[in-house]
Structure formats: C-alpha cells, structure tokens
Amino acid sequence: MRRPTRPPLRHLLAATLVVLALPGCTLPAPDAAAQEIRLQGDDPGLAHLAAEVARLAEQAQGRVGVAAYHLETGRGITLNGDESFPMASTYKVPIAVRILSMIDGGELGLYDLIEIEEDDVYVTASAISDLLDDPGLQISVHNLLELMLQISDNIATDVLMRTAGGSQAVTGRMREAGIEGIRVDRPTWALIANWLGAGEVSEDNRIGPDDYERLLRAPRTDESVDANNVAFNTDPRDSSTPSAMSALLQKIWNLEVLSEEGSALLIDIMYRCQTGEARLKGVLPAGTEVAHKTGTIGQTTNDVGIIDLPDGAGHVVAVVYVKESAVDVPEREAVIAQIARAVHDYFVFNRG
C-alpha cells in the first residue's frame, strides 16, 4: 500500500485560504464583479498564476472554482474559493473519510461484509447493477470503497452512505474535522432523481428501483432539461467550496482526519482512480501520478486531488469545480486539464 510522505506540520493551513493577514493578498480577477482571487504565501509570482487560471477558466463559459495548494511550502491560490459548487461524485471523498473514521474508531471493520439488498440495486453507473445483482450478494467494506472511488460506482456509494449512518453522519464528520464548507445530503439515487425533476425524492422519501427506472426513461423537452439544470445549480445540497475540499484533502494528507493506515489506504485508492483521464491528468507530463476523484452531472464537471510533482518538487492539492457551463463535457474537461497543467508547472519551476 502506498503511504504518503507527510509535509512538515508547520506548513498546515486553516480550512480556507483567507489571506487578509500577511503574507498574502486578495486580487480582482479579470471580471472583478463576478470572481475573486486569493493568494496564500509570500510569493509574488502567485499573482501571475492566479491570473492565468482565471483566463483559462473563461473557456468553460460558466462558473469555475479553483483551489491549488502546495503541500510542502503552504503557498496557494483560489479562484472563487468560498463559493459553493455541486460536488457530484467528488462527494464520495467525504463519504470515504466517514467510513474510514469508523474503522479507525473500531465501529466497523475494513473487511466486514455488507449485504447488497434488493432495494439497493438501481439502474445507475454501477458494476453491481451491471454484473452482480443476484440476491444474497455480500461485498467487503474495502471492496466497496474501491468500487466507489476507482470507478465511481453509485450503488457502492449508497451502500457505504447507509453503513456510515446516512448523509447527516457524513456531514457531521466534516464538522468534527473543522470543515464548514462541505455538506452531504443525499444518496446518489436521490441526487440524480432531483436533477431529473423529482424534487420530492429524498433520503427520507425513498423512490423504489422500478419507479426510479421509469423516471430515467421519461421523455424530456429542452425546456424541462433547462429548468431542471437551473433548479439543480441553485440547490445548496451536496455542495462544497473549492477551499473546503482543498482543506479536506490537506487534512487527509497530513493525518488530521484519519489514522496513518486510513489516510494511506484512501490516497492509494485515489491514485488508482479510473475516471476522468482527461481532467486533472489530461495534459500533465506522461507518468505524472494523481490521487483524485471526479464528478459529473448536468452542467457540472469536477476533479479534485493531489498531483505528484517531479524531482522532489513536492505535491499540489488541486480542486477544480465547473458549474453552469454552456459547453459540452469534453470542453469542460479541457479547461480542468489546462488549469492543472498551469498549477503543476508553476510549482515545478517556482519551488519557494
């Protein structure tokens, strides 16, 4: 199992990259009325990196939030860092933290077997529904974590959320960790049903697999899709700020929310993520390793993770959220990739 190399504790930051106190400053983005850039660290070159990130973000034709933080030196930038964005499947990182915290506390075993119940099996992005939906199936917590994080398996996610004690327990773990900007509210079947226009569906108002499939297959007009997207984009549930997600990744790396074993396992699985190859990893140099988790729904496309830098240059937390985008997913992915490359190159060539 890969174990992260810990940066010195003196480089830890608070949950947000607020830099009203020295060193650091707040700068306007090119569209100062709509965006906010913040810098962290005594590094005059960060202003140029932030300006380039803001320029690249314009290509998404929507709202973009970015947090980039160099783990070894504490330098970083945010673009709209305190604005909430739909997490989509990046909310599987907080769910994993809650599960691994339960394991650290002896409430759950990594190799405990969890039964997949008949009502768990929805038509969704899942190897379980595709291949393994026979009654009596049991899967270990470890395997469920791997399915959730490596291939973004939605059924594995919902089973783990139930095992975690529900969405409130996941959000509660974030609050215990001192992170206020992340909230988890719904299993994936409810989140998707809400995006499809079934606003009454919730964790406490369950929809069965058959009704859910009928909802998926229901015809939709362009007008209804637009209306659903507007409603979803303004929904505060299952959202995070870039700064808050960056803080969570920092705390995972620095063993502040999990044991050494739990942190190492989570980061190792994220290094093996099989989704979103065109996002954070899209235009990085060949062989660059990234521990990350992606998310996509409607007008939202995200990727969050930790990028390994070459030749002892350290590691960078990179969070890129895109919402309300008017372009197709591949174009959003290209924006994420270009921002990640700009961040990667800056910290390779400006080591502090």
Protein backbone atom coordinates (compact mmCIF):
# COMPACT_ATOMS: atom_id res chain seq x y z
CA MET A 1 0.00 0.00 0.00
CA ARG A 2 1.33 3.43 -0.93
CA ARG A 3 1.94 5.67 2.07
CA PRO A 4 2.05 9.44 1.59
CA THR A 5 5.17 11.38 2.50
CA ARG A 6 4.00 13.87 5.09
CA PRO A 7 4.88 17.56 4.76
CA PRO A 8 6.06 19.32 7.95
CA LEU A 9 3.24 20.22 10.32
CA ARG A 10 4.33 23.86 10.35
CA HIS A 11 3.01 24.19 6.79
CA LEU A 12 -0.59 23.35 7.67
CA LEU A 13 -3.22 25.98 6.89
CA ALA A 14 -6.72 26.61 8.13
CA ALA A 15 -9.70 25.27 6.20
CA THR A 16 -9.90 28.23 3.84
CA LEU A 17 -7.22 30.18 2.02
CA VAL A 18 -8.21 33.51 3.56
CA VAL A 19 -5.27 35.86 3.28
CA LEU A 20 -6.39 39.14 4.78
CA ALA A 21 -3.47 38.80 7.20
CA LEU A 22 0.08 38.91 5.88
CA PRO A 23 1.60 37.25 4.00
CA GLY A 24 -0.80 37.24 1.09
CA CYS A 25 -3.39 39.39 -0.58
CA THR A 26 -6.70 39.41 -2.41
CA LEU A 27 -6.77 40.42 -6.06
CA PRO A 28 -9.56 41.02 -8.55
CA ALA A 29 -9.91 38.51 -11.34
CA PRO A 30 -10.27 39.86 -14.90
CA ASP A 31 -14.02 40.18 -14.24
CA ALA A 32 -13.76 41.65 -10.74
CA ALA A 33 -17.51 41.93 -10.25
CA ALA A 34 -18.01 38.20 -10.75
CA GLN A 35 -14.86 36.48 -9.48
CA GLU A 36 -12.46 36.60 -6.56
CA ILE A 37 -8.83 35.56 -6.45
CA ARG A 38 -6.98 34.94 -3.21
CA LEU A 39 -3.28 34.27 -2.74
CA GLN A 40 -1.59 32.46 0.13
CA GLY A 41 2.10 32.82 0.79
CA ASP A 42 4.92 35.29 0.34
CA ASP A 43 5.40 34.62 -3.37
CA PRO A 44 4.89 37.49 -5.82
CA GLY A 45 4.64 35.08 -8.74
CA LEU A 46 1.36 33.65 -7.45
CA ALA A 47 -0.50 36.64 -8.87
CA HIS A 48 0.61 35.61 -12.36
CA LEU A 49 -0.50 32.01 -11.77
CA ALA A 50 -3.88 33.21 -10.49
CA ALA A 51 -4.37 35.47 -13.50
CA GLU A 52 -3.59 32.60 -15.86
CA VAL A 53 -6.01 30.29 -14.02
CA ALA A 54 -8.73 32.94 -14.30
CA ARG A 55 -8.02 33.34 -18.02
CA LEU A 56 -8.21 29.60 -18.64
CA ALA A 57 -11.44 29.36 -16.63
CA GLU A 58 -13.22 31.66 -19.08
CA GLN A 59 -13.25 28.86 -21.65
CA ALA A 60 -15.74 26.89 -19.55
CA GLN A 61 -18.41 29.52 -20.22
CA GLY A 62 -19.78 29.04 -16.73
CA ARG A 63 -18.68 29.37 -13.13
CA VAL A 64 -15.30 27.89 -12.21
CA GLY A 65 -13.88 27.42 -8.74
CA VAL A 66 -10.25 26.53 -8.13
CA ALA A 67 -8.09 25.84 -5.10
CA ALA A 68 -4.41 24.98 -5.57
CA TYR A 69 -2.17 24.46 -2.56
CA HIS A 70 1.48 23.37 -2.44
CA LEU A 71 1.66 20.94 0.46
CA GLU A 72 5.36 21.40 1.23
CA THR A 73 5.51 25.22 1.33
CA GLY A 74 1.95 26.36 2.10
CA ARG A 75 1.71 28.57 -0.98
CA GLY A 76 -1.52 28.59 -2.91
CA ILE A 77 -4.27 30.36 -4.81
CA THR A 78 -8.04 30.21 -5.04
CA LEU A 79 -10.46 31.40 -7.68
CA ASN A 80 -13.97 31.77 -6.24
CA GLY A 81 -12.67 29.67 -3.38
CA ASP A 82 -15.54 30.38 -0.99
CA GLU A 83 -18.35 29.87 -3.50
CA SER A 84 -20.42 26.68 -3.28
CA PHE A 85 -20.39 24.23 -6.20
CA PRO A 86 -22.29 20.96 -6.69
CA MET A 87 -19.84 18.21 -5.71
CA ALA A 88 -21.40 15.49 -7.89
CA SER A 89 -19.32 12.35 -7.33
CA THR A 90 -16.48 14.20 -5.61
CA TYR A 91 -18.70 13.89 -2.52
CA LYS A 92 -17.52 10.31 -2.38
CA VAL A 93 -14.31 11.55 -0.74
CA PRO A 94 -16.16 12.82 2.39
CA ILE A 95 -18.14 9.56 2.46
CA ALA A 96 -14.88 7.60 2.40
CA VAL A 97 -13.49 9.74 5.23
CA ARG A 98 -16.54 8.97 7.39
CA ILE A 99 -16.25 5.21 6.70
CA LEU A 100 -12.52 5.13 7.40
CA SER A 101 -13.05 7.18 10.57
CA MET A 102 -15.48 4.48 11.75
CA ILE A 103 -12.82 1.87 11.01
CA ASP A 104 -10.21 3.89 12.94
CA GLY A 105 -12.64 4.07 15.87
CA GLY A 106 -13.40 0.35 15.89
CA GLU A 107 -17.06 0.81 14.85
CA LEU A 108 -16.53 -1.02 11.55
CA GLY A 109 -14.07 -3.47 10.07
CA LEU A 110 -12.34 -2.92 6.74
CA TYR A 111 -13.15 -6.50 5.74
CA ASP A 112 -16.66 -6.63 7.21
CA LEU A 113 -19.10 -7.97 4.64
CA ILE A 114 -22.05 -5.73 3.74
CA GLU A 115 -25.11 -7.30 2.15
CA ILE A 116 -26.43 -5.66 -1.01
CA GLU A 117 -30.19 -5.55 -0.52
CA GLU A 118 -32.69 -5.85 -3.34
CA ASP A 119 -33.76 -2.21 -2.94
CA ASP A 120 -30.12 -1.09 -3.27
CA VAL A 121 -29.91 -2.14 -6.92
CA TYR A 122 -30.88 0.79 -9.14
CA VAL A 123 -30.22 1.27 -12.84
CA THR A 124 -27.21 3.54 -12.50
CA ALA A 125 -23.46 3.73 -13.11
CA SER A 126 -22.51 0.59 -11.19
CA ALA A 127 -20.68 -2.68 -11.74
CA ILE A 128 -23.03 -4.11 -9.13
CA SER A 129 -26.20 -3.44 -11.14
CA ASP A 130 -24.44 -4.42 -14.38
CA LEU A 131 -22.95 -7.71 -13.23
CA LEU A 132 -23.69 -8.73 -9.66
CA ASP A 133 -27.34 -8.10 -8.82
CA ASP A 134 -28.31 -11.58 -7.64
CA PRO A 135 -29.88 -11.80 -4.15
CA GLY A 136 -27.51 -12.64 -1.31
CA LEU A 137 -24.51 -10.68 -2.62
CA GLN A 138 -22.11 -9.51 0.09
CA ILE A 139 -19.19 -7.18 -0.52
CA SER A 140 -16.47 -6.12 1.92
CA VAL A 141 -16.16 -2.52 3.07
CA HIS A 142 -12.71 -2.43 1.44
CA ASN A 143 -14.09 -3.54 -1.94
CA LEU A 144 -16.99 -1.09 -1.70
CA LEU A 145 -14.51 1.74 -1.12
CA GLU A 146 -12.52 0.66 -4.16
CA LEU A 147 -15.64 0.48 -6.33
CA MET A 148 -16.82 3.89 -5.12
CA LEU A 149 -13.52 5.69 -5.65
CA GLN A 150 -11.95 3.85 -8.59
CA ILE A 151 -14.93 3.60 -10.95
CA SER A 152 -17.37 5.93 -9.14
CA ASP A 153 -19.83 3.08 -8.54
CA ASN A 154 -23.09 4.66 -7.36
CA ILE A 155 -24.57 1.59 -5.67
CA ALA A 156 -21.37 1.03 -3.70
CA THR A 157 -21.58 4.70 -2.69
CA ASP A 158 -25.16 4.44 -1.47
CA VAL A 159 -24.47 1.24 0.47
CA LEU A 160 -21.49 2.91 2.14
CA MET A 161 -23.56 6.00 2.96
CA ARG A 162 -26.14 3.78 4.63
CA THR A 163 -23.34 1.99 6.50
CA ALA A 164 -21.93 5.37 7.54
CA GLY A 165 -25.20 6.29 9.24
CA GLY A 166 -26.62 8.42 6.44
CA SER A 167 -25.79 11.80 4.97
CA GLN A 168 -26.03 13.69 8.28
CA ALA A 169 -23.33 11.48 9.76
CA VAL A 170 -21.04 12.24 6.81
CA THR A 171 -21.62 15.99 7.11
CA GLY A 172 -21.17 15.69 10.87
CA ARG A 173 -17.73 14.15 10.34
CA MET A 174 -16.80 17.16 8.21
CA ARG A 175 -17.87 19.50 11.02
CA GLU A 176 -15.87 17.48 13.55
CA ALA A 177 -12.85 17.99 11.28
CA GLY A 178 -13.42 21.76 11.31
CA ILE A 179 -14.62 21.94 7.71
CA GLU A 180 -17.76 24.04 7.32
CA GLY A 181 -17.90 24.35 3.53
CA ILE A 182 -18.79 20.73 2.69
CA ARG A 183 -22.30 19.32 3.09
CA VAL A 184 -23.55 15.87 2.10
CA ASP A 185 -27.33 15.46 1.93
CA ARG A 186 -28.46 12.65 -0.40
CA PRO A 187 -27.60 9.20 -1.70
CA THR A 188 -26.81 9.24 -5.41
CA TRP A 189 -30.21 7.84 -6.44
CA ALA A 190 -31.93 10.79 -4.72
CA LEU A 191 -29.46 13.33 -6.10
CA ILE A 192 -29.99 12.07 -9.66
CA ALA A 193 -33.77 11.89 -9.20
CA ASN A 194 -33.79 15.52 -8.02
CA TRP A 195 -31.71 16.56 -11.03
CA LEU A 196 -34.23 14.79 -13.27
CA GLY A 197 -37.02 16.88 -11.76
CA ALA A 198 -38.36 14.66 -8.96
CA GLY A 199 -37.90 17.30 -6.29
CA GLU A 200 -39.85 15.43 -3.63
CA VAL A 201 -37.46 12.46 -3.57
CA SER A 202 -35.03 12.50 -0.65
CA GLU A 203 -33.08 10.26 1.72
CA ASP A 204 -36.22 10.03 3.89
CA ASN A 205 -38.67 9.84 0.95
CA ARG A 206 -37.29 6.90 -0.95
CA ILE A 207 -38.17 6.01 -4.54
CA GLY A 208 -38.03 2.31 -5.47
CA PRO A 209 -35.80 0.93 -8.23
CA ASP A 210 -38.75 0.40 -10.62
CA ASP A 211 -40.09 3.94 -10.19
CA TYR A 212 -36.56 5.26 -10.50
CA GLU A 213 -36.09 3.46 -13.82
CA ARG A 214 -39.36 4.92 -15.11
CA LEU A 215 -38.11 8.37 -14.11
CA LEU A 216 -34.89 7.79 -16.04
CA ARG A 217 -36.78 6.76 -19.16
CA ALA A 218 -39.38 9.54 -19.06
CA PRO A 219 -39.23 11.85 -22.12
CA ARG A 220 -37.91 15.37 -21.57
CA THR A 221 -38.01 18.56 -23.57
CA ASP A 222 -35.15 21.02 -23.88
CA GLU A 223 -37.18 23.41 -21.75
CA SER A 224 -37.62 20.88 -18.95
CA VAL A 225 -33.94 19.98 -19.01
CA ASP A 226 -33.02 23.67 -18.76
CA ALA A 227 -35.41 24.16 -15.86
CA ASN A 228 -34.04 21.10 -14.06
CA ASN A 229 -30.48 22.36 -14.50
CA VAL A 230 -31.35 25.79 -13.11
CA ALA A 231 -33.01 24.21 -10.07
CA PHE A 232 -30.08 21.85 -9.51
CA ASN A 233 -27.44 24.55 -9.93
CA THR A 234 -29.02 26.66 -7.20
CA ASP A 235 -29.65 23.76 -4.79
CA PRO A 236 -27.33 24.09 -1.77
CA ARG A 237 -27.39 20.35 -1.05
CA ASP A 238 -24.35 18.15 -1.69
CA SER A 239 -22.11 21.13 -2.32
CA SER A 240 -18.61 22.25 -1.42
CA THR A 241 -16.45 25.29 -1.78
CA PRO A 242 -13.10 24.75 -3.50
CA SER A 243 -11.34 25.92 -0.33
CA ALA A 244 -13.22 23.41 1.83
CA MET A 245 -12.44 20.46 -0.45
CA SER A 246 -8.82 21.57 -0.59
CA ALA A 247 -8.76 21.68 3.21
CA LEU A 248 -10.17 18.15 3.41
CA LEU A 249 -7.50 16.81 1.06
CA GLN A 250 -4.81 18.59 3.08
CA LYS A 251 -6.13 17.07 6.30
CA ILE A 252 -6.18 13.60 4.75
CA TRP A 253 -2.56 14.01 3.63
CA ASN A 254 -1.45 15.39 7.00
CA LEU A 255 -3.18 12.62 9.02
CA GLU A 256 -5.51 15.11 10.70
CA VAL A 257 -8.78 13.29 9.97
CA LEU A 258 -7.66 9.67 9.65
CA SER A 259 -5.02 7.35 11.02
CA GLU A 260 -1.85 6.77 9.03
CA GLU A 261 -3.31 3.50 7.76
CA GLY A 262 -6.65 5.07 6.81
CA SER A 263 -5.03 8.01 5.04
CA ALA A 264 -2.63 5.73 3.16
CA LEU A 265 -5.46 3.45 2.02
CA LEU A 266 -7.64 6.34 0.83
CA ILE A 267 -4.82 8.03 -1.07
CA ASP A 268 -3.71 4.72 -2.58
CA ILE A 269 -7.21 4.03 -3.93
CA MET A 270 -7.46 7.57 -5.29
CA TYR A 271 -4.16 7.08 -7.13
CA ARG A 272 -5.90 4.22 -8.93
CA CYS A 273 -8.97 6.23 -9.97
CA GLN A 274 -10.09 5.11 -13.45
CA THR A 275 -12.39 8.02 -14.32
CA GLY A 276 -11.67 11.46 -15.72
CA GLU A 277 -8.40 10.77 -17.52
CA ALA A 278 -8.91 13.99 -19.50
CA ARG A 279 -9.29 16.20 -16.40
CA LEU A 280 -6.53 16.85 -13.85
CA LYS A 281 -4.34 14.25 -15.57
CA GLY A 282 -5.29 15.31 -19.10
CA VAL A 283 -2.22 17.26 -20.22
CA LEU A 284 0.22 16.61 -17.38
CA PRO A 285 3.60 15.12 -18.35
CA ALA A 286 3.50 11.40 -19.07
CA GLY A 287 3.83 9.32 -15.93
CA THR A 288 2.62 12.03 -13.54
CA GLU A 289 0.70 10.39 -10.72
CA VAL A 290 -2.51 11.95 -9.41
CA ALA A 291 -4.63 10.77 -6.48
CA HIS A 292 -8.03 12.13 -7.45
CA LYS A 293 -11.81 11.82 -7.65
CA THR A 294 -14.04 13.13 -10.42
CA GLY A 295 -17.68 14.15 -10.59
CA THR A 296 -20.14 14.95 -13.39
CA ILE A 297 -23.83 15.79 -13.54
CA GLY A 298 -25.76 18.17 -15.79
CA GLN A 299 -23.78 21.37 -16.27
CA THR A 300 -21.24 20.36 -13.61
CA THR A 301 -17.84 18.72 -14.23
CA ASN A 302 -15.27 18.39 -11.44
CA ASP A 303 -11.98 16.86 -10.43
CA VAL A 304 -10.22 17.07 -7.06
CA GLY A 305 -6.97 15.51 -5.98
CA ILE A 306 -3.26 15.62 -5.20
CA ILE A 307 -0.70 15.90 -8.00
CA ASP A 308 2.80 14.45 -7.55
CA LEU A 309 5.49 16.84 -8.80
CA PRO A 310 8.82 15.58 -10.21
CA ASP A 311 12.36 15.79 -8.86
CA GLY A 312 11.48 16.49 -5.25
CA ALA A 313 9.26 19.47 -6.03
CA GLY A 314 6.58 18.14 -3.71
CA HIS A 315 2.83 17.75 -4.12
CA VAL A 316 -0.04 20.05 -5.04
CA VAL A 317 -3.65 19.79 -3.92
CA ALA A 318 -5.75 20.74 -6.96
CA VAL A 319 -9.50 21.30 -6.83
CA VAL A 320 -11.32 22.41 -9.99
CA TYR A 321 -15.11 22.75 -10.00
CA VAL A 322 -17.14 23.79 -13.04
CA LYS A 323 -20.86 24.58 -12.88
CA GLU A 324 -23.49 26.28 -15.04
CA SER A 325 -21.31 25.56 -18.07
CA ALA A 326 -22.61 26.27 -21.56
CA VAL A 327 -20.11 23.93 -23.26
CA ASP A 328 -20.03 20.13 -23.55
CA VAL A 329 -18.23 17.90 -21.05
CA PRO A 330 -15.06 17.37 -23.18
CA GLU A 331 -14.59 21.14 -23.37
CA ARG A 332 -15.03 21.47 -19.60
CA GLU A 333 -12.52 18.67 -19.11
CA ALA A 334 -10.04 20.54 -21.29
CA VAL A 335 -10.39 23.59 -19.03
CA ILE A 336 -9.71 21.46 -15.95
CA ALA A 337 -6.69 19.89 -17.66
CA GLN A 338 -5.20 23.24 -18.68
CA ILE A 339 -5.65 24.68 -15.19
CA ALA A 340 -4.00 21.61 -13.67
CA ARG A 341 -1.06 21.94 -16.06
CA ALA A 342 -0.62 25.63 -15.20
CA VAL A 343 -0.61 24.81 -11.48
CA HIS A 344 1.74 21.85 -11.97
CA ASP A 345 4.25 23.84 -13.99
CA TYR A 346 4.22 26.84 -11.67
CA PHE A 347 5.17 24.81 -8.61
CA VAL A 348 7.73 22.74 -10.53
CA PHE A 349 9.59 25.86 -11.66
CA ASN A 350 8.93 28.05 -8.57
CA ARG A 351 9.87 25.88 -5.61
CA GLY A 352 9.72 28.59 -2.97
